[in-house]
Amino acid sequence: MEISIKNFGISGIYVKAEGRLDLDSAVEYGSKIKDAIEDADETITELVLDFSDITFISSFGLKVILELYKQLKAQNGSVKIKNISEQIKSSFTMVGFDKFIEFE
């Protein structure tokens, strides 16, 4: 899985990845994002995940997104998911993530 992480503004991180967020790749995805949040000079309060090239998300991938959300919430931050396909968005909606994650 290719993962690109960029800082934006003072307290934001933008993540773009491609492929499947399944058991194998979700661990790497979550670890790289958590490391970027922890290594930032400022407290990260906005995490934007670009899902334009994500083709599948498993329940483990959803768990990783939930962990990221909890980490940002503890820092009074938010998680936004951009460019998500309707099929993948339905996975988030089915488990209620649409109640606390913003989709653009």
N, C-alpha and C. Protein backbone atom coordinates (compact mmCIF):
# COMPACT_ATOMS: atom_id res chain seq x y z
N MET A 1 0.84 -1.17 0.00
CA MET A 1 0.00 0.00 0.00
C MET A 1 0.89 1.24 0.00
N GLU A 2 0.60 2.15 -0.91
CA GLU A 2 1.29 3.43 -0.97
C GLU A 2 0.57 4.40 -0.05
N ILE A 3 1.31 5.06 0.83
CA ILE A 3 0.73 6.01 1.77
C ILE A 3 1.53 7.31 1.71
N SER A 4 0.82 8.41 1.49
CA SER A 4 1.44 9.73 1.45
C SER A 4 0.83 10.56 2.58
N ILE A 5 1.69 11.13 3.42
CA ILE A 5 1.24 11.93 4.56
C ILE A 5 1.89 13.29 4.47
N LYS A 6 1.03 14.34 4.50
CA LYS A 6 1.53 15.71 4.41
C LYS A 6 0.88 16.55 5.50
N ASN A 7 1.66 17.45 6.06
CA ASN A 7 1.11 18.41 7.01
C ASN A 7 0.49 19.55 6.23
N PHE A 8 -0.59 20.12 6.78
CA PHE A 8 -1.15 21.34 6.20
C PHE A 8 -1.55 22.27 7.32
N GLY A 9 -1.38 23.55 7.07
CA GLY A 9 -1.66 24.52 8.12
C GLY A 9 -0.78 24.25 9.32
N ILE A 10 -1.23 24.72 10.45
CA ILE A 10 -0.45 24.53 11.68
C ILE A 10 -0.74 23.19 12.32
N SER A 11 -1.99 22.72 12.20
CA SER A 11 -2.38 21.55 12.99
C SER A 11 -3.12 20.48 12.20
N GLY A 12 -2.83 20.38 10.90
CA GLY A 12 -3.53 19.39 10.09
C GLY A 12 -2.61 18.39 9.43
N ILE A 13 -3.15 17.21 9.20
CA ILE A 13 -2.44 16.16 8.46
C ILE A 13 -3.38 15.65 7.37
N TYR A 14 -2.85 15.53 6.16
CA TYR A 14 -3.59 15.02 5.00
C TYR A 14 -2.96 13.69 4.59
N VAL A 15 -3.79 12.65 4.50
CA VAL A 15 -3.29 11.31 4.19
C VAL A 15 -3.96 10.81 2.92
N LYS A 16 -3.15 10.37 1.97
CA LYS A 16 -3.67 9.76 0.75
C LYS A 16 -3.02 8.39 0.63
N ALA A 17 -3.85 7.41 0.40
CA ALA A 17 -3.35 6.04 0.24
C ALA A 17 -4.09 5.38 -0.91
N GLU A 18 -3.53 4.30 -1.38
CA GLU A 18 -4.20 3.57 -2.46
C GLU A 18 -4.19 2.08 -2.16
N GLY A 19 -5.26 1.43 -2.58
CA GLY A 19 -5.35 -0.01 -2.39
C GLY A 19 -6.43 -0.40 -1.41
N ARG A 20 -6.19 -1.50 -0.74
CA ARG A 20 -7.15 -2.07 0.19
C ARG A 20 -6.73 -1.80 1.63
N LEU A 21 -7.69 -1.42 2.45
CA LEU A 21 -7.44 -1.29 3.88
C LEU A 21 -7.97 -2.55 4.55
N ASP A 22 -7.14 -3.58 4.51
CA ASP A 22 -7.53 -4.86 5.11
C ASP A 22 -6.58 -5.17 6.25
N LEU A 23 -6.65 -6.36 6.76
CA LEU A 23 -5.84 -6.73 7.93
C LEU A 23 -4.37 -6.41 7.74
N ASP A 24 -3.82 -6.76 6.59
CA ASP A 24 -2.39 -6.55 6.37
C ASP A 24 -2.01 -5.08 6.25
N SER A 25 -2.75 -4.33 5.47
CA SER A 25 -2.36 -2.95 5.19
C SER A 25 -2.84 -1.95 6.25
N ALA A 26 -3.92 -2.25 6.93
CA ALA A 26 -4.48 -1.30 7.91
C ALA A 26 -3.52 -1.06 9.08
N VAL A 27 -2.77 -2.06 9.47
CA VAL A 27 -1.80 -1.90 10.56
C VAL A 27 -0.75 -0.86 10.16
N GLU A 28 -0.19 -1.01 8.97
CA GLU A 28 0.81 -0.06 8.49
C GLU A 28 0.20 1.34 8.34
N TYR A 29 -0.99 1.41 7.77
CA TYR A 29 -1.70 2.67 7.57
C TYR A 29 -1.88 3.40 8.90
N GLY A 30 -2.44 2.71 9.88
CA GLY A 30 -2.67 3.32 11.19
C GLY A 30 -1.38 3.72 11.88
N SER A 31 -0.37 2.87 11.82
CA SER A 31 0.90 3.16 12.48
C SER A 31 1.58 4.40 11.90
N LYS A 32 1.58 4.51 10.57
CA LYS A 32 2.21 5.67 9.95
C LYS A 32 1.49 6.96 10.30
N ILE A 33 0.16 6.91 10.34
CA ILE A 33 -0.60 8.12 10.69
C ILE A 33 -0.38 8.48 12.16
N LYS A 34 -0.43 7.49 13.04
CA LYS A 34 -0.21 7.75 14.47
C LYS A 34 1.18 8.33 14.71
N ASP A 35 2.17 7.80 14.01
CA ASP A 35 3.53 8.34 14.14
C ASP A 35 3.59 9.79 13.69
N ALA A 36 2.92 10.11 12.58
CA ALA A 36 2.91 11.49 12.07
C ALA A 36 2.23 12.43 13.07
N ILE A 37 1.15 11.96 13.69
CA ILE A 37 0.45 12.78 14.69
C ILE A 37 1.35 13.03 15.90
N GLU A 38 2.01 11.99 16.36
CA GLU A 38 2.86 12.10 17.54
C GLU A 38 4.15 12.88 17.28
N ASP A 39 4.66 12.82 16.04
CA ASP A 39 5.90 13.50 15.69
C ASP A 39 5.71 14.96 15.30
N ALA A 40 4.47 15.40 15.15
CA ALA A 40 4.20 16.77 14.72
C ALA A 40 4.67 17.77 15.78
N ASP A 41 5.11 18.93 15.31
CA ASP A 41 5.55 19.98 16.22
C ASP A 41 4.39 20.56 17.02
N GLU A 42 3.24 20.67 16.40
CA GLU A 42 2.04 21.20 17.04
C GLU A 42 1.06 20.06 17.30
N THR A 43 0.08 20.30 18.17
CA THR A 43 -0.97 19.32 18.41
C THR A 43 -1.85 19.23 17.17
N ILE A 44 -2.02 18.04 16.64
CA ILE A 44 -2.83 17.84 15.44
C ILE A 44 -4.30 17.82 15.84
N THR A 45 -5.07 18.69 15.18
CA THR A 45 -6.50 18.76 15.47
C THR A 45 -7.36 18.47 14.25
N GLU A 46 -6.74 18.27 13.10
CA GLU A 46 -7.51 17.94 11.91
C GLU A 46 -6.77 16.86 11.11
N LEU A 47 -7.48 15.75 10.91
CA LEU A 47 -6.94 14.65 10.13
C LEU A 47 -7.86 14.46 8.93
N VAL A 48 -7.32 14.61 7.73
CA VAL A 48 -8.09 14.43 6.51
C VAL A 48 -7.57 13.17 5.82
N LEU A 49 -8.46 12.22 5.61
CA LEU A 49 -8.12 10.97 4.94
C LEU A 49 -8.73 10.99 3.54
N ASP A 50 -7.89 10.95 2.52
CA ASP A 50 -8.35 10.94 1.14
C ASP A 50 -8.54 9.49 0.72
N PHE A 51 -9.77 9.11 0.46
CA PHE A 51 -10.10 7.73 0.10
C PHE A 51 -10.34 7.56 -1.40
N SER A 52 -9.88 8.50 -2.22
CA SER A 52 -10.15 8.42 -3.66
C SER A 52 -9.56 7.15 -4.29
N ASP A 53 -8.47 6.62 -3.74
CA ASP A 53 -7.84 5.42 -4.30
C ASP A 53 -7.93 4.21 -3.37
N ILE A 54 -8.81 4.27 -2.37
CA ILE A 54 -9.06 3.11 -1.51
C ILE A 54 -10.16 2.28 -2.15
N THR A 55 -9.89 1.01 -2.39
CA THR A 55 -10.84 0.17 -3.11
C THR A 55 -11.65 -0.75 -2.21
N PHE A 56 -11.22 -0.91 -0.94
CA PHE A 56 -11.89 -1.83 -0.03
C PHE A 56 -11.49 -1.48 1.40
N ILE A 57 -12.42 -1.66 2.33
CA ILE A 57 -12.08 -1.52 3.75
C ILE A 57 -12.71 -2.68 4.51
N SER A 58 -11.90 -3.34 5.32
CA SER A 58 -12.38 -4.46 6.13
C SER A 58 -12.79 -3.95 7.50
N SER A 59 -13.31 -4.83 8.31
CA SER A 59 -13.68 -4.45 9.67
C SER A 59 -12.44 -4.02 10.45
N PHE A 60 -11.30 -4.61 10.15
CA PHE A 60 -10.07 -4.20 10.83
C PHE A 60 -9.66 -2.80 10.39
N GLY A 61 -9.87 -2.48 9.12
CA GLY A 61 -9.62 -1.12 8.64
C GLY A 61 -10.51 -0.11 9.34
N LEU A 62 -11.78 -0.49 9.54
CA LEU A 62 -12.71 0.38 10.27
C LEU A 62 -12.23 0.59 11.71
N LYS A 63 -11.70 -0.45 12.31
CA LYS A 63 -11.18 -0.36 13.68
C LYS A 63 -10.02 0.64 13.75
N VAL A 64 -9.16 0.61 12.76
CA VAL A 64 -8.02 1.54 12.72
C VAL A 64 -8.53 2.98 12.60
N ILE A 65 -9.53 3.21 11.76
CA ILE A 65 -10.10 4.55 11.62
C ILE A 65 -10.72 5.00 12.95
N LEU A 66 -11.39 4.09 13.64
CA LEU A 66 -11.99 4.41 14.94
C LEU A 66 -10.90 4.79 15.94
N GLU A 67 -9.79 4.08 15.96
CA GLU A 67 -8.69 4.39 16.87
C GLU A 67 -8.11 5.78 16.56
N LEU A 68 -7.98 6.10 15.27
CA LEU A 68 -7.49 7.42 14.89
C LEU A 68 -8.47 8.51 15.35
N TYR A 69 -9.77 8.24 15.17
CA TYR A 69 -10.78 9.20 15.61
C TYR A 69 -10.66 9.45 17.12
N LYS A 70 -10.53 8.38 17.89
CA LYS A 70 -10.43 8.52 19.35
C LYS A 70 -9.19 9.32 19.74
N GLN A 71 -8.09 9.08 19.04
CA GLN A 71 -6.86 9.82 19.32
C GLN A 71 -7.06 11.31 19.03
N LEU A 72 -7.69 11.65 17.90
CA LEU A 72 -7.92 13.05 17.57
C LEU A 72 -8.94 13.69 18.51
N LYS A 73 -9.97 12.95 18.87
CA LYS A 73 -10.99 13.48 19.78
C LYS A 73 -10.36 13.85 21.12
N ALA A 74 -9.42 13.04 21.59
CA ALA A 74 -8.73 13.33 22.85
C ALA A 74 -7.93 14.63 22.77
N GLN A 75 -7.60 15.04 21.56
CA GLN A 75 -6.85 16.28 21.33
C GLN A 75 -7.79 17.39 20.84
N ASN A 76 -9.10 17.22 21.06
CA ASN A 76 -10.13 18.16 20.59
C ASN A 76 -10.06 18.35 19.08
N GLY A 77 -9.77 17.26 18.37
CA GLY A 77 -9.65 17.32 16.93
C GLY A 77 -10.78 16.58 16.22
N SER A 78 -10.64 16.49 14.90
CA SER A 78 -11.66 15.84 14.09
C SER A 78 -11.02 15.05 12.96
N VAL A 79 -11.80 14.11 12.43
CA VAL A 79 -11.38 13.30 11.29
C VAL A 79 -12.38 13.54 10.17
N LYS A 80 -11.86 13.82 8.97
CA LYS A 80 -12.69 13.98 7.78
C LYS A 80 -12.22 12.99 6.73
N ILE A 81 -13.17 12.41 6.02
CA ILE A 81 -12.83 11.50 4.94
C ILE A 81 -13.34 12.12 3.64
N LYS A 82 -12.43 12.29 2.69
CA LYS A 82 -12.76 12.91 1.40
C LYS A 82 -12.73 11.87 0.29
N ASN A 83 -13.51 12.15 -0.74
CA ASN A 83 -13.48 11.37 -1.99
C ASN A 83 -13.73 9.88 -1.76
N ILE A 84 -14.70 9.58 -0.93
CA ILE A 84 -15.00 8.19 -0.61
C ILE A 84 -16.06 7.66 -1.56
N SER A 85 -15.90 6.42 -2.00
CA SER A 85 -16.90 5.81 -2.87
C SER A 85 -18.16 5.49 -2.06
N GLU A 86 -19.29 5.42 -2.74
CA GLU A 86 -20.55 5.11 -2.05
C GLU A 86 -20.49 3.73 -1.41
N GLN A 87 -19.84 2.78 -2.07
CA GLN A 87 -19.74 1.42 -1.53
C GLN A 87 -18.98 1.41 -0.19
N ILE A 88 -17.86 2.09 -0.14
CA ILE A 88 -17.08 2.12 1.10
C ILE A 88 -17.78 2.98 2.14
N LYS A 89 -18.39 4.07 1.72
CA LYS A 89 -19.12 4.92 2.67
C LYS A 89 -20.24 4.14 3.35
N SER A 90 -20.87 3.22 2.61
CA SER A 90 -21.95 2.43 3.22
C SER A 90 -21.44 1.55 4.35
N SER A 91 -20.17 1.12 4.27
CA SER A 91 -19.58 0.35 5.37
C SER A 91 -19.48 1.21 6.62
N PHE A 92 -19.07 2.46 6.47
CA PHE A 92 -18.99 3.39 7.60
C PHE A 92 -20.37 3.68 8.17
N THR A 93 -21.33 3.87 7.29
CA THR A 93 -22.70 4.19 7.72
C THR A 93 -23.33 3.02 8.46
N MET A 94 -23.08 1.82 7.96
CA MET A 94 -23.67 0.63 8.56
C MET A 94 -23.27 0.46 10.03
N VAL A 95 -22.06 0.88 10.37
CA VAL A 95 -21.60 0.73 11.75
C VAL A 95 -21.71 2.03 12.56
N GLY A 96 -22.32 3.06 11.96
CA GLY A 96 -22.60 4.28 12.69
C GLY A 96 -21.50 5.33 12.70
N PHE A 97 -20.44 5.14 11.92
CA PHE A 97 -19.35 6.11 11.91
C PHE A 97 -19.78 7.46 11.34
N ASP A 98 -20.86 7.47 10.56
CA ASP A 98 -21.32 8.72 9.97
C ASP A 98 -21.83 9.70 11.03
N LYS A 99 -22.00 9.23 12.25
CA LYS A 99 -22.47 10.09 13.34
C LYS A 99 -21.34 10.93 13.93
N PHE A 100 -20.08 10.53 13.71
CA PHE A 100 -18.98 11.29 14.29
C PHE A 100 -17.83 11.57 13.34
N ILE A 101 -17.87 11.03 12.13
CA ILE A 101 -16.84 11.34 11.13
C ILE A 101 -17.52 12.10 9.99
N GLU A 102 -16.87 13.18 9.58
CA GLU A 102 -17.41 14.00 8.49
C GLU A 102 -16.92 13.45 7.14
N PHE A 103 -17.85 13.38 6.19
CA PHE A 103 -17.53 12.92 4.84
C PHE A 103 -17.67 14.08 3.89
N GLU A 104 -16.69 14.27 3.02
CA GLU A 104 -16.73 15.34 2.02
C GLU A 104 -16.61 14.75 0.64
